Amino acid sequence: PKSSVNVCSRVFHENRKINEEQHQNEGGLLKPLIFGGLDGILTAFAIVAGSAGGALDPSVVLILGFSNIFADALSMGVGEFLSSKAENE
């Protein structure tokens, strides 16, 4: 005699689409957010530390730091846009 669990399992698998892929939809922005944040923190620190260590004027250090943060944000945004566009196609 077949148990109801085996019957339910068989029915589920027979009715499932053959080419259907199972993907997790939660946390879609978590990976790029963490990656971009870590990248931005590390490169901004490196730019500011290097320019401050080079005895540059504090205003130049600030300009370099903020321009690096802006460039990183723009670069990460464009990269994520193109990545998600390619994934959707």
Protein backbone atom coordinates (compact mmCIF):
# COMPACT_ATOMS: atom_id res chain seq x y z
CA PRO A 1 0.00 0.00 0.00
CA LYS A 2 1.24 3.44 -0.92
CA SER A 3 1.36 6.05 1.76
CA SER A 4 -0.21 9.47 1.22
CA VAL A 5 3.24 11.12 1.44
CA ASN A 6 4.54 9.11 -1.51
CA VAL A 7 1.42 9.86 -3.54
CA CYS A 8 1.60 13.60 -2.76
CA SER A 9 5.30 13.69 -3.62
CA ARG A 10 4.74 11.91 -6.92
CA VAL A 11 1.86 14.23 -7.87
CA PHE A 12 3.92 17.30 -6.98
CA HIS A 13 6.89 16.20 -9.09
CA GLU A 14 4.75 15.15 -12.04
CA ASN A 15 2.94 18.50 -12.12
CA ARG A 16 6.07 20.61 -11.73
CA LYS A 17 7.44 22.28 -14.83
CA ILE A 18 10.44 20.40 -16.15
CA ASN A 19 12.55 23.48 -16.96
CA GLU A 20 11.55 25.46 -13.89
CA GLU A 21 14.54 26.61 -11.86
CA GLN A 22 14.24 27.21 -8.15
CA HIS A 23 15.76 30.54 -7.05
CA GLN A 24 15.67 32.42 -3.82
CA ASN A 25 14.16 35.89 -4.22
CA GLU A 26 14.96 37.30 -0.78
CA GLY A 27 18.04 39.39 -0.17
CA GLY A 28 18.52 40.46 -3.77
CA LEU A 29 20.15 43.75 -2.81
CA LEU A 30 22.09 42.46 0.17
CA LYS A 31 25.06 41.08 -1.79
CA PRO A 32 25.72 44.21 -3.90
CA LEU A 33 25.12 46.45 -0.87
CA ILE A 34 27.71 44.65 1.24
CA PHE A 35 30.18 44.29 -1.62
CA GLY A 36 29.86 47.95 -2.59
CA GLY A 37 30.10 49.12 1.01
CA LEU A 38 33.24 47.15 1.71
CA ASP A 39 34.83 48.21 -1.56
CA GLY A 40 33.99 51.85 -0.90
CA ILE A 41 35.33 51.79 2.66
CA LEU A 42 38.61 50.13 1.70
CA THR A 43 39.40 52.26 -1.34
CA ALA A 44 38.38 55.50 0.38
CA PHE A 45 40.62 54.65 3.34
CA ALA A 46 43.51 53.81 1.01
CA ILE A 47 43.15 57.08 -0.93
CA VAL A 48 42.85 59.23 2.21
CA ALA A 49 45.64 57.42 4.07
CA GLY A 50 47.97 57.64 1.10
CA SER A 51 47.33 61.30 0.44
CA ALA A 52 47.54 62.19 4.15
CA GLY A 53 50.75 60.19 4.43
CA GLY A 54 52.12 62.15 1.52
CA ALA A 55 51.73 65.32 3.60
CA LEU A 56 49.16 66.87 1.26
CA ASP A 57 47.02 69.77 2.37
CA PRO A 58 43.92 68.64 4.35
CA SER A 59 41.59 70.22 1.78
CA VAL A 60 43.23 68.13 -0.96
CA VAL A 61 42.84 64.99 1.18
CA LEU A 62 39.12 65.72 1.60
CA ILE A 63 38.65 66.41 -2.10
CA LEU A 64 40.40 63.16 -3.01
CA GLY A 65 38.37 61.20 -0.45
CA PHE A 66 34.98 62.55 -1.56
CA SER A 67 35.77 62.25 -5.26
CA ASN A 68 36.80 58.62 -4.68
CA ILE A 69 33.53 57.90 -2.85
CA PHE A 70 31.53 59.50 -5.70
CA ALA A 71 33.46 57.59 -8.38
CA ASP A 72 33.05 54.30 -6.47
CA ALA A 73 29.32 54.83 -6.07
CA LEU A 74 28.91 55.63 -9.76
CA SER A 75 31.03 52.66 -10.80
CA MET A 76 29.21 50.22 -8.52
CA GLY A 77 25.82 51.53 -9.61
CA VAL A 78 26.57 51.15 -13.31
CA GLY A 79 28.14 47.72 -12.75
CA GLU A 80 25.11 46.48 -10.79
CA PHE A 81 22.72 47.88 -13.40
CA LEU A 82 24.51 46.12 -16.23
CA SER A 83 24.79 42.91 -14.22
CA SER A 84 21.09 42.79 -13.41
CA LYS A 85 20.19 43.73 -16.99
CA ALA A 86 22.32 40.87 -18.34
CA GLU A 87 20.87 38.45 -15.78
CA ASN A 88 17.31 39.35 -16.77
CA GLU A 89 18.04 38.78 -20.46
